[in-house]
N, C-alpha and C. Protein backbone atom coordinates (compact mmCIF):
# COMPACT_ATOMS: atom_id res chain seq x y z
N MET A 1 43.72 130.17 17.51
CA MET A 1 44.31 131.19 16.66
C MET A 1 43.24 132.00 15.94
N LEU A 2 42.14 131.36 15.54
CA LEU A 2 41.11 132.08 14.80
C LEU A 2 40.35 133.10 15.64
N HIS A 3 40.45 133.03 16.96
CA HIS A 3 39.76 134.03 17.77
C HIS A 3 40.60 135.29 17.95
N GLN A 4 41.79 135.34 17.35
CA GLN A 4 42.60 136.55 17.39
C GLN A 4 41.93 137.59 16.49
N PRO A 5 42.00 138.88 16.86
CA PRO A 5 41.18 139.88 16.19
C PRO A 5 41.41 140.06 14.68
N PHE A 6 42.60 139.89 14.19
CA PHE A 6 42.87 140.17 12.77
C PHE A 6 43.40 138.96 12.01
N THR A 7 43.17 137.77 12.52
CA THR A 7 43.69 136.57 11.88
C THR A 7 43.08 136.36 10.50
N ILE A 8 41.79 136.45 10.39
CA ILE A 8 41.14 136.18 9.10
C ILE A 8 41.57 137.19 8.04
N PRO A 9 41.57 138.51 8.32
CA PRO A 9 42.07 139.44 7.29
C PRO A 9 43.54 139.20 6.95
N ALA A 10 44.35 138.86 7.94
CA ALA A 10 45.78 138.61 7.68
C ALA A 10 45.96 137.40 6.79
N VAL A 11 45.21 136.34 7.04
CA VAL A 11 45.31 135.13 6.21
C VAL A 11 44.82 135.42 4.79
N LEU A 12 43.72 136.17 4.66
CA LEU A 12 43.21 136.51 3.33
C LEU A 12 44.23 137.34 2.55
N LEU A 13 44.82 138.34 3.19
CA LEU A 13 45.84 139.14 2.50
C LEU A 13 47.06 138.30 2.13
N PHE A 14 47.44 137.41 3.03
CA PHE A 14 48.56 136.50 2.77
C PHE A 14 48.29 135.69 1.50
N LEU A 15 47.08 135.11 1.43
CA LEU A 15 46.72 134.26 0.29
C LEU A 15 46.57 135.08 -1.00
N LEU A 16 46.03 136.29 -0.90
CA LEU A 16 45.86 137.13 -2.09
C LEU A 16 47.20 137.65 -2.61
N ALA A 17 48.21 137.73 -1.76
CA ALA A 17 49.52 138.22 -2.17
C ALA A 17 50.29 137.19 -2.99
N ILE A 18 50.03 135.93 -2.78
CA ILE A 18 50.82 134.86 -3.43
C ILE A 18 50.72 134.92 -4.96
N PRO A 19 49.53 135.00 -5.57
CA PRO A 19 49.49 135.07 -7.03
C PRO A 19 50.18 136.32 -7.58
N LEU A 20 50.13 137.42 -6.83
CA LEU A 20 50.82 138.63 -7.28
C LEU A 20 52.33 138.43 -7.28
N MET A 21 52.84 137.82 -6.23
CA MET A 21 54.28 137.55 -6.14
C MET A 21 54.75 136.63 -7.26
N LEU A 22 53.94 135.67 -7.60
CA LEU A 22 54.30 134.67 -8.60
C LEU A 22 54.03 135.14 -10.02
N ARG A 23 53.59 136.38 -10.17
CA ARG A 23 53.33 136.97 -11.49
C ARG A 23 52.24 136.22 -12.25
N LEU A 24 51.24 135.74 -11.54
CA LEU A 24 50.17 134.97 -12.17
C LEU A 24 48.99 135.84 -12.60
N ILE A 25 48.95 137.08 -12.12
CA ILE A 25 47.80 137.95 -12.40
C ILE A 25 48.18 138.94 -13.50
N PRO A 26 47.52 138.87 -14.65
CA PRO A 26 47.83 139.83 -15.72
C PRO A 26 47.24 141.20 -15.39
N PRO A 27 47.68 142.23 -16.11
CA PRO A 27 47.12 143.57 -15.87
C PRO A 27 45.60 143.56 -15.99
N ASN A 28 44.95 144.15 -14.99
CA ASN A 28 43.49 144.20 -14.96
C ASN A 28 43.07 145.38 -14.10
N CYS A 29 41.79 145.66 -14.08
CA CYS A 29 41.29 146.81 -13.32
C CYS A 29 40.69 146.43 -11.97
N GLY A 30 40.89 145.20 -11.51
CA GLY A 30 40.25 144.78 -10.28
C GLY A 30 41.14 144.24 -9.19
N TYR A 31 42.34 143.76 -9.52
CA TYR A 31 43.14 143.05 -8.53
C TYR A 31 44.61 143.30 -8.80
N GLY A 32 45.27 143.92 -7.85
CA GLY A 32 46.70 144.20 -7.99
C GLY A 32 47.00 145.67 -7.77
N ILE A 33 48.23 146.04 -8.04
CA ILE A 33 48.67 147.44 -7.90
C ILE A 33 48.29 148.13 -9.20
N ARG A 34 47.19 148.89 -9.15
CA ARG A 34 46.65 149.51 -10.35
C ARG A 34 46.95 151.00 -10.36
N THR A 35 47.88 151.39 -11.21
CA THR A 35 48.16 152.81 -11.46
C THR A 35 48.20 152.98 -12.97
N ALA A 36 48.22 154.22 -13.42
CA ALA A 36 48.30 154.47 -14.86
C ALA A 36 49.56 153.82 -15.43
N LYS A 37 50.66 153.91 -14.68
CA LYS A 37 51.93 153.36 -15.15
C LYS A 37 51.89 151.84 -15.23
N THR A 38 51.36 151.19 -14.19
CA THR A 38 51.36 149.72 -14.20
C THR A 38 50.36 149.16 -15.20
N LEU A 39 49.25 149.85 -15.41
CA LEU A 39 48.27 149.37 -16.37
C LEU A 39 48.72 149.60 -17.82
N ALA A 40 49.57 150.60 -18.03
CA ALA A 40 50.04 150.90 -19.38
C ALA A 40 51.20 150.02 -19.83
N HIS A 41 51.98 149.53 -18.88
CA HIS A 41 53.19 148.77 -19.21
C HIS A 41 53.18 147.43 -18.47
N PRO A 42 53.00 146.33 -19.18
CA PRO A 42 52.95 145.02 -18.51
C PRO A 42 54.18 144.71 -17.65
N ASP A 43 55.37 145.11 -18.10
CA ASP A 43 56.56 144.86 -17.30
C ASP A 43 56.48 145.58 -15.95
N SER A 44 56.00 146.83 -15.98
CA SER A 44 55.83 147.58 -14.73
C SER A 44 54.77 146.92 -13.84
N TRP A 45 53.71 146.41 -14.47
CA TRP A 45 52.65 145.72 -13.72
C TRP A 45 53.22 144.55 -12.93
N TYR A 46 53.96 143.69 -13.62
CA TYR A 46 54.46 142.49 -12.97
C TYR A 46 55.52 142.83 -11.90
N ARG A 47 56.37 143.79 -12.18
CA ARG A 47 57.39 144.17 -11.19
C ARG A 47 56.74 144.79 -9.95
N ALA A 48 55.79 145.70 -10.14
CA ALA A 48 55.13 146.36 -9.01
C ALA A 48 54.34 145.35 -8.18
N ASN A 49 53.63 144.45 -8.84
CA ASN A 49 52.82 143.49 -8.11
C ASN A 49 53.65 142.42 -7.42
N ARG A 50 54.80 142.11 -7.99
CA ARG A 50 55.70 141.17 -7.30
C ARG A 50 56.21 141.81 -6.01
N PHE A 51 56.65 143.07 -6.11
CA PHE A 51 57.13 143.78 -4.93
C PHE A 51 56.00 143.95 -3.90
N GLY A 52 54.85 144.43 -4.37
CA GLY A 52 53.72 144.64 -3.46
C GLY A 52 53.23 143.34 -2.84
N GLY A 53 53.23 142.26 -3.62
CA GLY A 53 52.82 140.97 -3.08
C GLY A 53 53.73 140.52 -1.96
N TRP A 54 55.04 140.65 -2.16
CA TRP A 54 55.99 140.29 -1.10
C TRP A 54 55.78 141.16 0.14
N ALA A 55 55.59 142.47 -0.08
CA ALA A 55 55.42 143.38 1.05
C ALA A 55 54.18 143.03 1.87
N VAL A 56 53.07 142.78 1.20
CA VAL A 56 51.83 142.43 1.92
C VAL A 56 51.95 141.06 2.57
N LEU A 57 52.57 140.12 1.89
CA LEU A 57 52.76 138.78 2.47
C LEU A 57 53.59 138.87 3.75
N LEU A 58 54.66 139.63 3.73
CA LEU A 58 55.51 139.75 4.92
C LEU A 58 54.79 140.47 6.05
N SER A 59 54.01 141.51 5.72
CA SER A 59 53.29 142.21 6.79
C SER A 59 52.22 141.30 7.40
N SER A 60 51.56 140.49 6.59
CA SER A 60 50.57 139.54 7.13
C SER A 60 51.24 138.48 7.98
N ALA A 61 52.38 137.97 7.52
CA ALA A 61 53.10 136.96 8.28
C ALA A 61 53.57 137.52 9.63
N LEU A 62 53.98 138.78 9.64
CA LEU A 62 54.39 139.41 10.90
C LEU A 62 53.23 139.45 11.89
N TYR A 63 52.04 139.83 11.40
CA TYR A 63 50.90 139.84 12.32
C TYR A 63 50.59 138.43 12.83
N LEU A 64 50.62 137.45 11.95
CA LEU A 64 50.31 136.08 12.38
C LEU A 64 51.31 135.59 13.42
N LEU A 65 52.55 136.01 13.29
CA LEU A 65 53.56 135.68 14.30
C LEU A 65 53.22 136.34 15.63
N VAL A 66 52.85 137.61 15.60
CA VAL A 66 52.46 138.31 16.83
C VAL A 66 51.23 137.64 17.46
N ALA A 67 50.28 137.23 16.62
CA ALA A 67 49.07 136.57 17.14
C ALA A 67 49.40 135.25 17.84
N LEU A 68 50.43 134.56 17.36
CA LEU A 68 50.86 133.33 18.02
C LEU A 68 51.59 133.60 19.32
N ILE A 69 52.43 134.62 19.32
CA ILE A 69 53.26 134.91 20.50
C ILE A 69 52.47 135.60 21.61
N VAL A 70 51.58 136.55 21.21
CA VAL A 70 50.80 137.32 22.21
C VAL A 70 49.32 137.14 21.90
N PRO A 71 48.74 136.02 22.30
CA PRO A 71 47.32 135.82 21.99
C PRO A 71 46.43 136.75 22.81
N ASN A 72 45.35 137.18 22.19
CA ASN A 72 44.34 137.98 22.87
C ASN A 72 43.37 137.02 23.53
N PRO A 73 43.24 137.06 24.85
CA PRO A 73 42.33 136.11 25.50
C PRO A 73 40.88 136.35 25.09
N PRO A 74 40.08 135.29 25.02
CA PRO A 74 38.68 135.45 24.63
C PRO A 74 37.89 136.18 25.73
N PRO A 75 36.75 136.79 25.35
CA PRO A 75 35.91 137.45 26.35
C PRO A 75 35.50 136.46 27.42
N PRO A 76 35.28 136.81 28.62
CA PRO A 76 35.30 138.17 29.19
C PRO A 76 36.68 138.60 29.69
N HIS A 77 37.72 137.88 29.37
CA HIS A 77 39.05 138.19 29.88
C HIS A 77 39.91 138.96 28.88
N ASP A 78 39.30 139.41 27.79
CA ASP A 78 40.08 140.09 26.77
C ASP A 78 40.63 141.42 27.30
N SER A 79 41.68 141.89 26.67
CA SER A 79 42.40 143.07 27.15
C SER A 79 42.48 144.11 26.04
N LEU A 80 42.14 145.36 26.36
CA LEU A 80 42.23 146.44 25.39
C LEU A 80 43.67 146.66 24.95
N ILE A 81 44.60 146.55 25.88
CA ILE A 81 46.01 146.77 25.55
C ILE A 81 46.50 145.71 24.55
N VAL A 82 46.14 144.46 24.79
CA VAL A 82 46.55 143.40 23.88
C VAL A 82 45.86 143.59 22.53
N TRP A 83 44.59 143.99 22.52
CA TRP A 83 43.88 144.23 21.27
C TRP A 83 44.55 145.36 20.49
N LEU A 84 44.95 146.43 21.17
CA LEU A 84 45.65 147.53 20.51
C LEU A 84 47.00 147.09 19.97
N LEU A 85 47.68 146.20 20.68
CA LEU A 85 48.93 145.63 20.18
C LEU A 85 48.67 144.87 18.87
N HIS A 86 47.59 144.11 18.84
CA HIS A 86 47.23 143.37 17.62
C HIS A 86 46.88 144.34 16.49
N LEU A 87 46.16 145.40 16.80
CA LEU A 87 45.82 146.39 15.79
C LEU A 87 47.09 147.01 15.20
N GLY A 88 48.03 147.37 16.06
CA GLY A 88 49.28 147.93 15.59
C GLY A 88 50.10 146.93 14.79
N ALA A 89 50.10 145.69 15.23
CA ALA A 89 50.87 144.65 14.54
C ALA A 89 50.25 144.30 13.19
N PHE A 90 48.96 144.52 13.04
CA PHE A 90 48.31 144.27 11.75
C PHE A 90 48.39 145.51 10.86
N GLY A 91 47.95 146.64 11.38
CA GLY A 91 47.85 147.86 10.58
C GLY A 91 49.18 148.51 10.27
N GLY A 92 50.08 148.56 11.24
CA GLY A 92 51.37 149.23 11.05
C GLY A 92 52.18 148.66 9.89
N PRO A 93 52.51 147.37 9.92
CA PRO A 93 53.26 146.80 8.80
C PRO A 93 52.52 146.86 7.46
N LEU A 94 51.20 146.76 7.50
CA LEU A 94 50.43 146.84 6.26
C LEU A 94 50.55 148.23 5.64
N ILE A 95 50.43 149.26 6.47
CA ILE A 95 50.57 150.64 5.98
C ILE A 95 51.98 150.87 5.44
N VAL A 96 52.99 150.38 6.16
CA VAL A 96 54.37 150.53 5.70
C VAL A 96 54.57 149.80 4.37
N SER A 97 54.03 148.59 4.24
CA SER A 97 54.21 147.83 3.00
C SER A 97 53.54 148.53 1.83
N LEU A 98 52.37 149.12 2.05
CA LEU A 98 51.70 149.83 0.97
C LEU A 98 52.46 151.10 0.60
N GLY A 99 53.01 151.78 1.60
CA GLY A 99 53.83 152.96 1.32
C GLY A 99 55.09 152.62 0.55
N LEU A 100 55.76 151.54 0.94
CA LEU A 100 56.96 151.11 0.22
C LEU A 100 56.62 150.70 -1.21
N THR A 101 55.47 150.07 -1.40
CA THR A 101 55.05 149.68 -2.75
C THR A 101 54.77 150.91 -3.59
N GLN A 102 54.12 151.88 -3.02
CA GLN A 102 53.84 153.13 -3.74
C GLN A 102 55.14 153.81 -4.15
N ARG A 103 56.10 153.84 -3.25
CA ARG A 103 57.40 154.43 -3.55
C ARG A 103 58.11 153.65 -4.66
N TYR A 104 58.02 152.33 -4.60
CA TYR A 104 58.64 151.48 -5.62
C TYR A 104 58.03 151.75 -7.00
N VAL A 105 56.71 151.89 -7.05
CA VAL A 105 56.02 152.13 -8.33
C VAL A 105 56.46 153.48 -8.91
N LYS A 106 56.64 154.47 -8.08
CA LYS A 106 57.08 155.78 -8.57
C LYS A 106 58.46 155.71 -9.19
N ARG A 107 59.30 154.80 -8.71
CA ARG A 107 60.67 154.66 -9.24
C ARG A 107 60.73 153.86 -10.53
N LEU A 108 59.68 153.13 -10.84
CA LEU A 108 59.70 152.31 -12.07
C LEU A 108 59.82 153.17 -13.31
């Protein structure tokens, strides 16, 4: 599983999302959904980071599921098509989750 192209970043994002979901990270300038609105209002901070944490956790879990179902063979048998599938499975949901989080923050 670790030889899959985006496993390590997906696992790191998965693990970094958990404290945000659990509301364990107070407002700060280094870790979390940092906007003027979330930094000014603690309630907005915790709500935005809970939503964003769930979104990133789910997008990472989706990639890890794809990595299990469609493994990329190690070199020299690796495939560009499978690698591009992994790129899409990692990047696509992550971009969508960040966009949904941004939209959520604007509604707060």
